[in-house]
C-alpha cells in the first residue's frame, strides 16, 4: 500500500508540475498571440499606408504623363504650323526669284533691241 501511495503521491506531484508548466505555456502562448496580433495590425496599417502612398505616386505619374503627352501634341502642332509657314515662305521666295528672272530676261531683251532713238539718230547722220 505504501508503495502505491508513494506512486500516487509522485504522480500527483508530476501532475501538479505538469499543470504549472501548462499554465506557463498557456501564458506564453497567450502573450505570443497578443504580440503577433499587434504586429499584424501594425503591418496591416503600414501596408495600407504604403498602398495609399503608392496610389498617390501612381496618380502623380499618370498626371505627369498626361501633361507630357499634351506638351508633345502642342509641340507637334506648333512644328507643323512652323513647317507650313516655312513652306509658304519658300514658295513665296521661289515666286519672287522667278519674277526677278523674268524681269531680268525682259530687261536683257530691251537692251538687245535697237532703240528707235538710236536708229533715227543714225538716219539723221
PDB file of N, CA and C in Angstrom:
ATOM      1  N   UNK A   1       0.813  -1.192   0.000  1.00  0.00           N
ATOM      2  CA  UNK A   1       0.000   0.000   0.000  1.00  0.00           C
ATOM      3  C   UNK A   1       0.856   1.256   0.000  1.00  0.00           C
ATOM      4  N   UNK A   2       1.915   1.169   0.829  1.00  0.00           N
ATOM      5  CA  UNK A   2       2.800   2.313   0.894  1.00  0.00           C
ATOM      6  C   UNK A   2       3.397   2.616  -0.477  1.00  0.00           C
ATOM      7  N   UNK A   3       3.778   1.655  -1.166  1.00  0.00           N
ATOM      8  CA  UNK A   3       4.373   1.810  -2.483  1.00  0.00           C
ATOM      9  C   UNK A   3       3.345   2.441  -3.421  1.00  0.00           C
ATOM     10  N   UNK A   4       2.125   2.004  -3.319  1.00  0.00           N
ATOM     11  CA  UNK A   4       1.084   2.573  -4.165  1.00  0.00           C
ATOM     12  C   UNK A   4       0.833   4.028  -3.787  1.00  0.00           C
ATOM     13  N   UNK A   5       0.867   4.315  -2.476  1.00  0.00           N
ATOM     14  CA  UNK A   5       0.664   5.692  -2.014  1.00  0.00           C
ATOM     15  C   UNK A   5       1.808   6.587  -2.518  1.00  0.00           C
ATOM     16  N   UNK A   6       3.024   6.028  -2.463  1.00  0.00           N
ATOM     17  CA  UNK A   6       4.173   6.809  -2.943  1.00  0.00           C
ATOM     18  C   UNK A   6       4.042   7.066  -4.449  1.00  0.00           C
ATOM     19  N   UNK A   7       3.624   6.050  -5.168  1.00  0.00           N
ATOM     20  CA  UNK A   7       3.451   6.223  -6.622  1.00  0.00           C
ATOM     21  C   UNK A   7       2.351   7.253  -6.898  1.00  0.00           C
ATOM     22  N   UNK A   8       1.268   7.181  -6.100  1.00  0.00           N
ATOM     23  CA  UNK A   8       0.162   8.121  -6.252  1.00  0.00           C
ATOM     24  C   UNK A   8       0.642   9.540  -5.941  1.00  0.00           C
ATOM     25  N   UNK A   9       1.409   9.676  -4.850  1.00  0.00           N
ATOM     26  CA  UNK A   9       1.965  10.976  -4.481  1.00  0.00           C
ATOM     27  C   UNK A   9       2.883  11.503  -5.577  1.00  0.00           C
ATOM     28  N   UNK A  10       3.729  10.648  -6.074  1.00  0.00           N
ATOM     29  CA  UNK A  10       4.660  11.016  -7.133  1.00  0.00           C
ATOM     30  C   UNK A  10       3.884  11.441  -8.380  1.00  0.00           C
ATOM     31  N   UNK A  11       2.849  10.705  -8.688  1.00  0.00           N
ATOM     32  CA  UNK A  11       2.028  11.031  -9.860  1.00  0.00           C
ATOM     33  C   UNK A  11       1.334  12.378  -9.668  1.00  0.00           C
ATOM     34  N   UNK A  12       0.861  12.646  -8.443  1.00  0.00           N
ATOM     35  CA  UNK A  12       0.201  13.921  -8.161  1.00  0.00           C
ATOM     36  C   UNK A  12       1.202  15.068  -8.296  1.00  0.00           C
ATOM     37  N   UNK A  13       2.416  14.862  -7.808  1.00  0.00           N
ATOM     38  CA  UNK A  13       3.447  15.893  -7.927  1.00  0.00           C
ATOM     39  C   UNK A  13       3.766  16.173  -9.399  1.00  0.00           C
ATOM     40  N   UNK A  14       3.911  15.116 -10.159  1.00  0.00           N
ATOM     41  CA  UNK A  14       4.189  15.283 -11.599  1.00  0.00           C
ATOM     42  C   UNK A  14       3.020  15.976 -12.289  1.00  0.00           C
ATOM     43  N   UNK A  15       1.801  15.609 -11.892  1.00  0.00           N
ATOM     44  CA  UNK A  15       0.611  16.230 -12.475  1.00  0.00           C
ATOM     45  C   UNK A  15       0.573  17.712 -12.114  1.00  0.00           C
ATOM     46  N   UNK A  16       0.887  18.028 -10.882  1.00  0.00           N
ATOM     47  CA  UNK A  16       0.916  19.417 -10.427  1.00  0.00           C
ATOM     48  C   UNK A  16       1.968  20.201 -11.199  1.00  0.00           C
ATOM     49  N   UNK A  17       3.163  19.615 -11.359  1.00  0.00           N
ATOM     50  CA  UNK A  17       4.213  20.270 -12.131  1.00  0.00           C
ATOM     51  C   UNK A  17       3.783  20.449 -13.598  1.00  0.00           C
ATOM     52  N   UNK A  18       3.158  19.425 -14.114  1.00  0.00           N
ATOM     53  CA  UNK A  18       2.694  19.481 -15.498  1.00  0.00           C
ATOM     54  C   UNK A  18       1.644  20.580 -15.653  1.00  0.00           C
ATOM     55  N   UNK A  19       0.725  20.671 -14.689  1.00  0.00           N
ATOM     56  CA  UNK A  19      -0.294  21.722 -14.741  1.00  0.00           C
ATOM     57  C   UNK A  19       0.344  23.096 -14.654  1.00  0.00           C
ATOM     58  N   UNK A  20       1.354  23.238 -13.773  1.00  0.00           N
ATOM     59  CA  UNK A  20       2.064  24.515 -13.670  1.00  0.00           C
ATOM     60  C   UNK A  20       2.733  24.865 -14.987  1.00  0.00           C
ATOM     61  N   UNK A  21       3.380  23.855 -15.577  1.00  0.00           N
ATOM     62  CA  UNK A  21       4.044  24.080 -16.864  1.00  0.00           C
ATOM     63  C   UNK A  21       3.016  24.458 -17.933  1.00  0.00           C
ATOM     64  N   UNK A  22       1.874  23.767 -17.912  1.00  0.00           N
ATOM     65  CA  UNK A  22       0.835  24.054 -18.905  1.00  0.00           C
ATOM     66  C   UNK A  22       0.328  25.481 -18.730  1.00  0.00           C
ATOM     67  N   UNK A  23       0.161  25.905 -17.483  1.00  0.00           N
ATOM     68  CA  UNK A  23      -0.273  27.276 -17.232  1.00  0.00           C
ATOM     69  C   UNK A  23       0.746  28.260 -17.783  1.00  0.00           C
ATOM     70  N   UNK A  24       2.022  27.954 -17.525  1.00  0.00           N
ATOM     71  CA  UNK A  24       3.084  28.821 -18.031  1.00  0.00           C
ATOM     72  C   UNK A  24       3.090  28.802 -19.554  1.00  0.00           C
ATOM     73  N   UNK A  25       2.922  27.649 -20.141  1.00  0.00           N
ATOM     74  CA  UNK A  25       2.895  27.523 -21.604  1.00  0.00           C
ATOM     75  C   UNK A  25       1.717  28.301 -22.166  1.00  0.00           C
ATOM     76  N   UNK A  26       0.551  28.184 -21.515  1.00  0.00           N
ATOM     77  CA  UNK A  26      -0.625  28.921 -21.979  1.00  0.00           C
ATOM     78  C   UNK A  26      -0.393  30.435 -21.892  1.00  0.00           C
ATOM     79  N   UNK A  27       0.270  30.865 -20.804  1.00  0.00           N
ATOM     80  CA  UNK A  27       0.570  32.299 -20.660  1.00  0.00           C
ATOM     81  C   UNK A  27       1.507  32.760 -21.765  1.00  0.00           C
ATOM     82  N   UNK A  28       2.530  31.942 -22.041  1.00  0.00           N
ATOM     83  CA  UNK A  28       3.485  32.267 -23.107  1.00  0.00           C
ATOM     84  C   UNK A  28       2.770  32.305 -24.448  1.00  0.00           C
ATOM     85  N   UNK A  29       1.906  31.312 -24.691  1.00  0.00           N
ATOM     86  CA  UNK A  29       1.152  31.279 -25.954  1.00  0.00           C
ATOM     87  C   UNK A  29       0.249  32.507 -26.066  1.00  0.00           C
ATOM     88  N   UNK A  30      -0.418  32.833 -24.973  1.00  0.00           N
ATOM     89  CA  UNK A  30      -1.323  33.977 -24.969  1.00  0.00           C
ATOM     90  C   UNK A  30      -0.552  35.265 -25.242  1.00  0.00           C
ATOM     91  N   UNK A  31       0.586  35.414 -24.589  1.00  0.00           N
ATOM     92  CA  UNK A  31       1.413  36.598 -24.807  1.00  0.00           C
ATOM     93  C   UNK A  31       1.910  36.645 -26.251  1.00  0.00           C
ATOM     94  N   UNK A  32       2.312  35.494 -26.781  1.00  0.00           N
ATOM     95  CA  UNK A  32       2.802  35.426 -28.166  1.00  0.00           C
ATOM     96  C   UNK A  32       1.679  35.759 -29.140  1.00  0.00           C
ATOM     97  N   UNK A  33       0.484  35.231 -28.875  1.00  0.00           N
ATOM     98  CA  UNK A  33      -0.668  35.522 -29.738  1.00  0.00           C
ATOM     99  C   UNK A  33      -0.962  37.020 -29.717  1.00  0.00           C
ATOM    100  N   UNK A  34      -0.923  37.615 -28.546  1.00  0.00           N
ATOM    101  CA  UNK A  34      -1.177  39.052 -28.401  1.00  0.00           C
ATOM    102  C   UNK A  34      -0.126  39.856 -29.168  1.00  0.00           C
ATOM    103  N   UNK A  35       1.140  39.467 -29.007  1.00  0.00           N
ATOM    104  CA  UNK A  35       2.228  40.159 -29.702  1.00  0.00           C
ATOM    105  C   UNK A  35       2.064  40.043 -31.218  1.00  0.00           C
ATOM    106  N   UNK A  36       1.765  38.823 -31.690  1.00  0.00           N
ATOM    107  CA  UNK A  36       1.599  38.614 -33.132  1.00  0.00           C
ATOM    108  C   UNK A  36       0.392  39.381 -33.671  1.00  0.00           C
ATOM    109  N   UNK A  37      -0.660  39.458 -32.892  1.00  0.00           N
ATOM    110  CA  UNK A  37      -1.854  40.201 -33.309  1.00  0.00           C
ATOM    111  C   UNK A  37      -1.523  41.689 -33.453  1.00  0.00           C
ATOM    112  N   UNK A  38      -0.779  42.219 -32.479  1.00  0.00           N
ATOM    113  CA  UNK A  38      -0.383  43.631 -32.540  1.00  0.00           C
ATOM    114  C   UNK A  38       0.542  43.880 -33.730  1.00  0.00           C
ATOM    115  N   UNK A  39       1.469  42.967 -33.942  1.00  0.00           N
ATOM    116  CA  UNK A  39       2.404  43.103 -35.063  1.00  0.00           C
ATOM    117  C   UNK A  39       1.651  43.051 -36.387  1.00  0.00           C
ATOM    118  N   UNK A  40       0.684  42.143 -36.459  1.00  0.00           N
ATOM    119  CA  UNK A  40      -0.131  42.021 -37.671  1.00  0.00           C
ATOM    120  C   UNK A  40      -0.905  43.311 -37.930  1.00  0.00           C
ATOM    121  N   UNK A  41      -1.488  43.885 -36.869  1.00  0.00           N
ATOM    122  CA  UNK A  41      -2.235  45.135 -37.017  1.00  0.00           C
ATOM    123  C   UNK A  41      -1.299  46.250 -37.503  1.00  0.00           C
ATOM    124  N   UNK A  42      -0.103  46.300 -36.925  1.00  0.00           N
ATOM    125  CA  UNK A  42       0.873  47.319 -37.304  1.00  0.00           C
ATOM    126  C   UNK A  42       1.269  47.152 -38.771  1.00  0.00           C
ATOM    127  N   UNK A  43       1.550  45.916 -39.179  1.00  0.00           N
ATOM    128  CA  UNK A  43       1.944  45.657 -40.564  1.00  0.00           C
ATOM    129  C   UNK A  43       0.799  45.959 -41.525  1.00  0.00           C
ATOM    130  N   UNK A  44      -0.417  45.637 -41.117  1.00  0.00           N
ATOM    131  CA  UNK A  44      -1.576  45.946 -41.962  1.00  0.00           C
ATOM    132  C   UNK A  44      -1.708  47.448 -42.157  1.00  0.00           C
ATOM    133  N   UNK A  45      -1.513  48.201 -41.062  1.00  0.00           N
ATOM    134  CA  UNK A  45      -1.598  49.656 -41.139  1.00  0.00           C
ATOM    135  C   UNK A  45      -0.504  50.196 -42.058  1.00  0.00           C
ATOM    136  N   UNK A  46       0.728  49.674 -41.909  1.00  0.00           N
ATOM    137  CA  UNK A  46       1.837  50.109 -42.763  1.00  0.00           C
ATOM    138  C   UNK A  46       1.567  49.763 -44.225  1.00  0.00           C
ATOM    139  N   UNK A  47       1.015  48.561 -44.431  1.00  0.00           N
ATOM    140  CA  UNK A  47       0.722  48.148 -45.808  1.00  0.00           C
ATOM    141  C   UNK A  47      -0.333  49.061 -46.423  1.00  0.00           C
ATOM    142  N   UNK A  48      -1.355  49.392 -45.633  1.00  0.00           N
ATOM    143  CA  UNK A  48      -2.399  50.279 -46.134  1.00  0.00           C
ATOM    144  C   UNK A  48      -1.809  51.644 -46.450  1.00  0.00           C
ATOM    145  N   UNK A  49      -0.990  52.142 -45.541  1.00  0.00           N
ATOM    146  CA  UNK A  49      -0.330  53.432 -45.748  1.00  0.00           C
ATOM    147  C   UNK A  49       0.567  53.368 -46.978  1.00  0.00           C
ATOM    148  N   UNK A  50       1.307  52.265 -47.105  1.00  0.00           N
ATOM    149  CA  UNK A  50       2.181  52.081 -48.271  1.00  0.00           C
ATOM    150  C   UNK A  50       1.382  52.048 -49.555  1.00  0.00           C
ATOM    151  N   UNK A  51       0.237  51.373 -49.539  1.00  0.00           N
ATOM    152  CA  UNK A  51      -0.609  51.314 -50.729  1.00  0.00           C
ATOM    153  C   UNK A  51      -1.137  52.693 -51.089  1.00  0.00           C
ATOM    154  N   UNK A  52      -1.528  53.467 -50.059  1.00  0.00           N
ATOM    155  CA  UNK A  52      -2.015  54.817 -50.322  1.00  0.00           C
ATOM    156  C   UNK A  52      -0.911  55.674 -50.926  1.00  0.00           C
ATOM    157  N   UNK A  53       0.295  55.569 -50.366  1.00  0.00           N
ATOM    158  CA  UNK A  53       1.425  56.326 -50.909  1.00  0.00           C
ATOM    159  C   UNK A  53       1.704  55.894 -52.346  1.00  0.00           C
ATOM    160  N   UNK A  54       1.662  54.579 -52.580  1.00  0.00           N
ATOM    161  CA  UNK A  54       1.897  54.046 -53.921  1.00  0.00           C
ATOM    162  C   UNK A  54       0.843  54.590 -54.888  1.00  0.00           C
ATOM    163  N   UNK A  55      -0.430  54.569 -54.459  1.00  0.00           N
ATOM    164  CA  UNK A  55      -1.509  55.063 -55.312  1.00  0.00           C
ATOM    165  C   UNK A  55      -1.316  56.553 -55.619  1.00  0.00           C
ATOM    166  N   UNK A  56      -0.913  57.326 -54.602  1.00  0.00           N
ATOM    167  CA  UNK A  56      -0.668  58.754 -54.821  1.00  0.00           C
ATOM    168  C   UNK A  56       0.459  58.965 -55.821  1.00  0.00           C
ATOM    169  N   UNK A  57       1.540  58.205 -55.651  1.00  0.00           N
ATOM    170  CA  UNK A  57       2.671  58.316 -56.587  1.00  0.00           C
ATOM    171  C   UNK A  57       2.243  57.914 -57.989  1.00  0.00           C
ATOM    172  N   UNK A  58       1.443  56.847 -58.065  1.00  0.00           N
ATOM    173  CA  UNK A  58       0.971  56.371 -59.359  1.00  0.00           C
ATOM    174  C   UNK A  58       0.082  57.425 -60.023  1.00  0.00           C
ATOM    175  N   UNK A  59      -0.814  58.043 -59.249  1.00  0.00           N
ATOM    176  CA  UNK A  59      -1.665  59.101 -59.790  1.00  0.00           C
ATOM    177  C   UNK A  59      -0.824  60.272 -60.278  1.00  0.00           C
ATOM    178  N   UNK A  60       0.187  60.650 -59.498  1.00  0.00           N
ATOM    179  CA  UNK A  60       1.063  61.757 -59.897  1.00  0.00           C
ATOM    180  C   UNK A  60       1.787  61.416 -61.199  1.00  0.00           C
ATOM    181  N   UNK A  61       2.260  60.184 -61.297  1.00  0.00           N
ATOM    182  CA  UNK A  61       2.962  59.770 -62.515  1.00  0.00           C
ATOM    183  C   UNK A  61       2.007  59.794 -63.710  1.00  0.00           C
ATOM    184  N   UNK A  62       0.758  59.355 -63.499  1.00  0.00           N
ATOM    185  CA  UNK A  62      -0.225  59.390 -64.587  1.00  0.00           C
ATOM    186  C   UNK A  62      -0.485  60.824 -65.030  1.00  0.00           C
ATOM    187  N   UNK A  63      -0.649  61.727 -64.037  1.00  0.00           N
ATOM    188  CA  UNK A  63      -0.883  63.133 -64.361  1.00  0.00           C
ATOM    189  C   UNK A  63       0.297  63.717 -65.114  1.00  0.00           C
ATOM    190  N   UNK A  64       1.514  63.405 -64.653  1.00  0.00           N
ATOM    191  CA  UNK A  64       2.714  63.891 -65.341  1.00  0.00           C
ATOM    192  C   UNK A  64       2.764  63.369 -66.767  1.00  0.00           C
ATOM    193  N   UNK A  65       2.409  62.110 -66.942  1.00  0.00           N
ATOM    194  CA  UNK A  65       2.417  61.514 -68.284  1.00  0.00           C
ATOM    195  C   UNK A  65       1.401  62.226 -69.182  1.00  0.00           C
ATOM    196  N   UNK A  66       0.216  62.542 -68.636  1.00  0.00           N
ATOM    197  CA  UNK A  66      -0.790  63.263 -69.419  1.00  0.00           C
ATOM    198  C   UNK A  66      -0.291  64.654 -69.812  1.00  0.00           C
ATOM    199  N   UNK A  67       0.360  65.333 -68.853  1.00  0.00           N
ATOM    200  CA  UNK A  67       0.907  66.663 -69.151  1.00  0.00           C
ATOM    201  C   UNK A  67       1.942  66.579 -70.271  1.00  0.00           C
ATOM    202  N   UNK A  68       2.842  65.599 -70.164  1.00  0.00           N
ATOM    203  CA  UNK A  68       3.872  65.434 -71.195  1.00  0.00           C
ATOM    204  C   UNK A  68       3.240  65.124 -72.545  1.00  0.00           C
ATOM    205  N   UNK A  69       2.217  64.305 -72.536  1.00  0.00           N
ATOM    206  CA  UNK A  69       1.531  63.952 -73.777  1.00  0.00           C
ATOM    207  C   UNK A  69       0.927  65.197 -74.418  1.00  0.00           C
ATOM    208  N   UNK A  70       0.290  66.054 -73.593  1.00  0.00           N
ATOM    209  CA  UNK A  70      -0.284  67.294 -74.107  1.00  0.00           C
ATOM    210  C   UNK A  70       0.804  68.213 -74.654  1.00  0.00           C
ATOM    211  N   UNK A  71       1.927  68.309 -73.925  1.00  0.00           N
ATOM    212  CA  UNK A  71       3.034  69.149 -74.382  1.00  0.00           C
ATOM    213  C   UNK A  71       3.564  68.662 -75.727  1.00  0.00           C
ATOM    214  N   UNK A  72       3.691  67.346 -75.861  1.00  0.00           N
ATOM    215  CA  UNK A  72       4.176  66.763 -77.121  1.00  0.00           C
ATOM    216  C   UNK A  72       3.217  67.115 -78.258  1.00  0.00           C
ATOM    217  N   UNK A  73       1.909  66.991 -77.997  1.00  0.00           N
ATOM    218  CA  UNK A  73       0.923  67.327 -79.030  1.00  0.00           C
ATOM    219  C   UNK A  73       1.034  68.803 -79.426  1.00  0.00           C
ATOM    220  N   UNK A  74       1.180  69.674 -78.423  1.00  0.00           N
ATOM    221  CA  UNK A  74       1.318  71.109 -78.730  1.00  0.00           C
ATOM    222  C   UNK A  74       2.575  71.375 -79.546  1.00  0.00           C
ATOM    223  N   UNK A  75       3.667  70.714 -79.180  1.00  0.00           N
ATOM    224  CA  UNK A  75       4.923  70.883 -79.922  1.00  0.00           C
ATOM    225  C   UNK A  75       4.753  70.395 -81.357  1.00  0.00           C
ATOM    226  N   UNK A  76       4.069  69.262 -81.522  1.00  0.00           N
ATOM    227  CA  UNK A  76       3.833  68.738 -82.878  1.00  0.00           C
ATOM    228  C   UNK A  76       3.021  69.732 -83.702  1.00  0.00           C
ATOM    229  N   UNK A  77       1.946  70.251 -83.077  1.00  0.00           N
ATOM    230  CA  UNK A  77       1.112  71.211 -83.788  1.00  0.00           C
ATOM    231  C   UNK A  77       1.911  72.456 -84.169  1.00  0.00           C
ATOM    232  N   UNK A  78       2.676  72.965 -83.217  1.00  0.00           N
ATOM    233  CA  UNK A  78       3.487  74.158 -83.468  1.00  0.00           C
ATOM    234  C   UNK A  78       4.502  73.879 -84.582  1.00  0.00           C
ATOM    235  N   UNK A  79       5.108  72.697 -84.515  1.00  0.00           N
ATOM    236  CA  UNK A  79       6.095  72.321 -85.521  1.00  0.00           C
ATOM    237  C   UNK A  79       5.443  72.240 -86.904  1.00  0.00           C
ATOM    238  N   UNK A  80       4.235  71.658 -86.950  1.00  0.00           N
ATOM    239  CA  UNK A  80       3.533  71.569 -88.226  1.00  0.00           C
ATOM    240  C   UNK A  80       3.207  72.963 -88.756  1.00  0.00           C
ATOM    241  N   UNK A  81       2.752  73.854 -87.841  1.00  0.00           N
ATOM    242  CA  UNK A  81       2.436  75.218 -88.259  1.00  0.00           C
ATOM    243  C   UNK A  81       3.684  75.923 -88.765  1.00  0.00           C
ATOM    244  N   UNK A  82       4.790  75.769 -88.059  1.00  0.00           N
ATOM    245  CA  UNK A  82       6.044  76.390 -88.484  1.00  0.00           C
ATOM    246  C   UNK A  82       6.493  75.810 -89.819  1.00  0.00           C
ATOM    247  N   UNK A  83       6.294  74.493 -89.973  1.00  0.00           N
ATOM    248  CA  UNK A  83       6.646  73.859 -91.245  1.00  0.00           C
ATOM    249  C   UNK A  83       5.825  74.425 -92.393  1.00  0.00           C
ATOM    250  N   UNK A  84       4.533  74.640 -92.130  1.00  0.00           N
ATOM    251  CA  UNK A  84       3.674  75.224 -93.158  1.00  0.00           C
ATOM    252  C   UNK A  84       4.097  76.661 -93.463  1.00  0.00           C
ATOM    253  N   UNK A  85       4.467  77.414 -92.416  1.00  0.00           N
ATOM    254  CA  UNK A  85       4.938  78.786 -92.629  1.00  0.00           C
ATOM    255  C   UNK A  85       6.208  78.794 -93.471  1.00  0.00           C
ATOM    256  N   UNK A  86       7.137  77.868 -93.111  1.00  0.00           N
ATOM    257  CA  UNK A  86       8.391  77.789 -93.876  1.00  0.00           C
ATOM    258  C   UNK A  86       8.114  77.441 -95.330  1.00  0.00           C
ATOM    259  N   UNK A  87       7.207  76.484 -95.523  1.00  0.00           N
ATOM    260  CA  UNK A  87       6.875  76.079 -96.887  1.00  0.00           C
ATOM    261  C   UNK A  87       6.284  77.254 -97.651  1.00  0.00           C
ATOM    262  N   UNK A  88       5.399  77.994 -97.001  1.00  0.00           N
ATOM    263  CA  UNK A  88       4.798  79.169 -97.626  1.00  0.00           C
ATOM    264  C   UNK A  88       5.861  80.207 -97.949  1.00  0.00           C
ATOM    265  N   UNK A  89       6.775  80.429 -97.002  1.00  0.00           N
ATOM    266  CA  UNK A  89       7.867  81.397 -97.214  1.00  0.00           C
ATOM    267  C   UNK A  89       8.743  80.951 -98.378  1.00  0.00           C
ATOM    268  N   UNK A  90       9.072  79.670 -98.415  1.00  0.00           N
ATOM    269  CA  UNK A  90       9.900  79.136 -99.505  1.00  0.00           C
ATOM    270  C   UNK A  90       9.181  79.309-100.836  1.00  0.00           C
ATOM    271  N   UNK A  91       7.862  79.007-100.864  1.00  0.00           N
ATOM    272  CA  UNK A  91       7.099  79.181-102.105  1.00  0.00           C
ATOM    273  C   UNK A  91       7.097  80.648-102.541  1.00  0.00           C
ATOM    274  N   UNK A  92       6.924  81.551-101.573  1.00  0.00           N
ATOM    275  CA  UNK A  92       6.949  82.986-101.900  1.00  0.00           C
ATOM    276  C   UNK A  92       8.306  83.400-102.450  1.00  0.00           C
ATOM    277  N   UNK A  93       9.382  82.914-101.818  1.00  0.00           N
ATOM    278  CA  UNK A  93      10.724  83.239-102.300  1.00  0.00           C
ATOM    279  C   UNK A  93      10.950  82.683-103.705  1.00  0.00           C
ATOM    280  N   UNK A  94      10.457  81.492-103.970  1.00  0.00           N
ATOM    281  CA  UNK A  94      10.602  80.910-105.321  1.00  0.00           C
ATOM    282  C   UNK A  94       9.887  81.766-106.354  1.00  0.00           C
ATOM    283  N   UNK A  95       8.650  82.202-105.995  1.00  0.00           N
ATOM    284  CA  UNK A  95       7.903  83.061-106.917  1.00  0.00           C
ATOM    285  C   UNK A  95       8.647  84.380-107.148  1.00  0.00           C
ATOM    286  N   UNK A  96       9.195  84.930-106.068  1.00  0.00           N
ATOM    287  CA  UNK A  96       9.948  86.188-106.177  1.00  0.00           C
ATOM    288  C   UNK A  96      11.155  86.004-107.090  1.00  0.00           C
ATOM    289  N   UNK A  97      11.882  84.905-106.887  1.00  0.00           N
ATOM    290  CA  UNK A  97      13.058  84.629-107.719  1.00  0.00           C
ATOM    291  C   UNK A  97      12.634  84.458-109.176  1.00  0.00           C
ATOM    292  N   UNK A  98      11.548  83.740-109.406  1.00  0.00           N
ATOM    293  CA  UNK A  98      11.071  83.530-110.779  1.00  0.00           C
ATOM    294  C   UNK A  98      10.657  84.858-111.410  1.00  0.00           C
ATOM    295  N   UNK A  99       9.970  85.705-110.642  1.00  0.00           N
ATOM    296  CA  UNK A  99       9.586  87.038-111.159  1.00  0.00           C
ATOM    297  C   UNK A  99      10.819  87.860-111.490  1.00  0.00           C
ATOM    298  N   UNK A 100      11.834  87.814-110.627  1.00  0.00           N
ATOM    299  CA  UNK A 100      13.058  88.558-110.879  1.00  0.00           C
ATOM    300  C   UNK A 100      13.758  88.042-112.133  1.00  0.00           C
ATOM    301  N   UNK A 101      13.761  86.724-112.314  1.00  0.00           N
ATOM    302  CA  UNK A 101      14.361  86.146-113.532  1.00  0.00           C
ATOM    303  C   UNK A 101      13.635  86.659-114.770  1.00  0.00           C
ATOM    304  N   UNK A 102      12.296  86.693-114.693  1.00  0.00           N
ATOM    305  CA  UNK A 102      11.514  87.180-115.831  1.00  0.00           C
ATOM    306  C   UNK A 102      11.809  88.653-116.103  1.00  0.00           C
ATOM    307  N   UNK A 103      11.920  89.432-115.027  1.00  0.00           N
ATOM    308  CA  UNK A 103      12.224  90.856-115.194  1.00  0.00           C
ATOM    309  C   UNK A 103      13.608  91.040-115.817  1.00  0.00           C
ATOM    310  N   UNK A 104      14.585  90.230-115.351  1.00  0.00           N
ATOM    311  CA  UNK A 104      15.948  90.296-115.912  1.00  0.00           C
ATOM    312  C   UNK A 104      15.919  89.936-117.392  1.00  0.00           C
ATOM    313  N   UNK A 105      15.167  88.883-117.718  1.00  0.00           N
ATOM    314  CA  UNK A 105      15.079  88.472-119.122  1.00  0.00           C
ATOM    315  C   UNK A 105      14.462  89.576-119.967  1.00  0.00           C
ATOM    316  N   UNK A 106      13.403  90.237-119.440  1.00  0.00           N
ATOM    317  CA  UNK A 106      12.780  91.336-120.174  1.00  0.00           C
ATOM    318  C   UNK A 106      13.751  92.502-120.356  1.00  0.00           C
ATOM    319  N   UNK A 107      14.504  92.807-119.291  1.00  0.00           N
ATOM    320  CA  UNK A 107      15.483  93.896-119.387  1.00  0.00           C
ATOM    321  C   UNK A 107      16.556  93.581-120.424  1.00  0.00           C
ATOM    322  N   UNK A 108      16.999  92.327-120.464  1.00  0.00           N
ATOM    323  CA  UNK A 108      18.018  91.931-121.454  1.00  0.00           C
ATOM    324  C   UNK A 108      17.468  92.064-122.861  1.00  0.00           C
ATOM    325  N   UNK A 109      16.211  91.666-123.038  1.00  0.00           N
ATOM    326  CA  UNK A 109      15.589  91.776-124.360  1.00  0.00           C
ATOM    327  C   UNK A 109      15.519  93.235-124.795  1.00  0.00           C
ATOM    328  N   UNK A 110      15.138  94.089-123.818  1.00  0.00           N
ATOM    329  CA  UNK A 110      15.041  95.521-124.151  1.00  0.00           C
ATOM    330  C   UNK A 110      16.412  96.101-124.487  1.00  0.00           C
ATOM    331  N   UNK A 111      17.441  95.627-123.797  1.00  0.00           N
ATOM    332  CA  UNK A 111      18.789  96.122-124.078  1.00  0.00           C
ATOM    333  C   UNK A 111      19.248  95.667-125.467  1.00  0.00           C
ATOM    334  N   UNK A 112      18.880  94.470-125.836  1.00  0.00           N
ATOM    335  CA  UNK A 112      19.310  93.935-127.133  1.00  0.00           C
ATOM    336  C   UNK A 112      18.545  94.537-128.312  1.00  0.00           C
ATOM    337  N   UNK A 113      17.345  95.086-128.052  1.00  0.00           N
ATOM    338  CA  UNK A 113      16.581  95.702-129.151  1.00  0.00           C
ATOM    339  C   UNK A 113      17.231  97.045-129.475  1.00  0.00           C
ATOM    340  N   UNK A 114      17.404  97.318-130.738  1.00  0.00           N
ATOM    341  CA  UNK A 114      17.891  98.646-131.071  1.00  0.00           C
ATOM    342  C   UNK A 114      16.774  99.664-130.817  1.00  0.00           C
ATOM    343  N   UNK A 115      17.112 100.713-130.176  1.00  0.00           N
ATOM    344  CA  UNK A 115      16.080 101.693-129.838  1.00  0.00           C
ATOM    345  C   UNK A 115      15.784 102.557-131.052  1.00  0.00           C
ATOM    346  N   UNK A 116      14.594 103.123-131.134  1.00  0.00           N
ATOM    347  CA  UNK A 116      14.172 103.959-132.253  1.00  0.00           C
ATOM    348  C   UNK A 116      14.963 105.264-132.246  1.00  0.00           C
ATOM    349  N   UNK A 117      15.295 105.724-131.081  1.00  0.00           N
ATOM    350  CA  UNK A 117      16.048 106.970-130.985  1.00  0.00           C
ATOM    351  C   UNK A 117      17.412 106.769-131.615  1.00  0.00           C
ATOM    352  N   UNK A 118      18.014 105.672-131.347  1.00  0.00           N
ATOM    353  CA  UNK A 118      19.330 105.388-131.899  1.00  0.00           C
ATOM    354  C   UNK A 118      19.218 105.274-133.414  1.00  0.00           C
ATOM    355  N   UNK A 119      18.182 104.582-133.896  1.00  0.00           N
ATOM    356  CA  UNK A 119      18.024 104.417-135.342  1.00  0.00           C
ATOM    357  C   UNK A 119      17.798 105.749-136.050  1.00  0.00           C
ATOM    358  N   UNK A 120      16.980 106.562-135.451  1.00  0.00           N
ATOM    359  CA  UNK A 120      16.712 107.859-136.085  1.00  0.00           C
ATOM    360  C   UNK A 120      17.963 108.714-136.057  1.00  0.00           C
ATOM    361  N   UNK A 121      18.751 108.575-135.025  1.00  0.00           N
ATOM    362  CA  UNK A 121      19.997 109.329-134.962  1.00  0.00           C
ATOM    363  C   UNK A 121      20.918 108.868-136.047  1.00  0.00           C
ATOM    364  N   UNK A 122      20.923 107.605-136.340  1.00  0.00           N
ATOM    365  CA  UNK A 122      21.787 107.087-137.427  1.00  0.00           C
ATOM    366  C   UNK A 122      21.284 107.550-138.783  1.00  0.00           C
ATOM    367  N   UNK A 123      19.945 107.580-138.852  1.00  0.00           N
ATOM    368  CA  UNK A 123      19.358 108.022-140.113  1.00  0.00           C
ATOM    369  C   UNK A 123      19.642 109.496-140.374  1.00  0.00           C
ATOM    370  N   UNK A 124      19.734 110.286-139.324  1.00  0.00           N
ATOM    371  CA  UNK A 124      19.986 111.705-139.485  1.00  0.00           C
ATOM    372  C   UNK A 124      21.408 111.945-139.953  1.00  0.00           C
ATOM    373  N   UNK A 125      22.298 111.134-139.642  1.00  0.00           N
ATOM    374  CA  UNK A 125      23.692 111.354-139.947  1.00  0.00           C
ATOM    375  C   UNK A 125      23.900 111.149-141.367  1.00  0.00           C
TER     376      UNK A 125
END
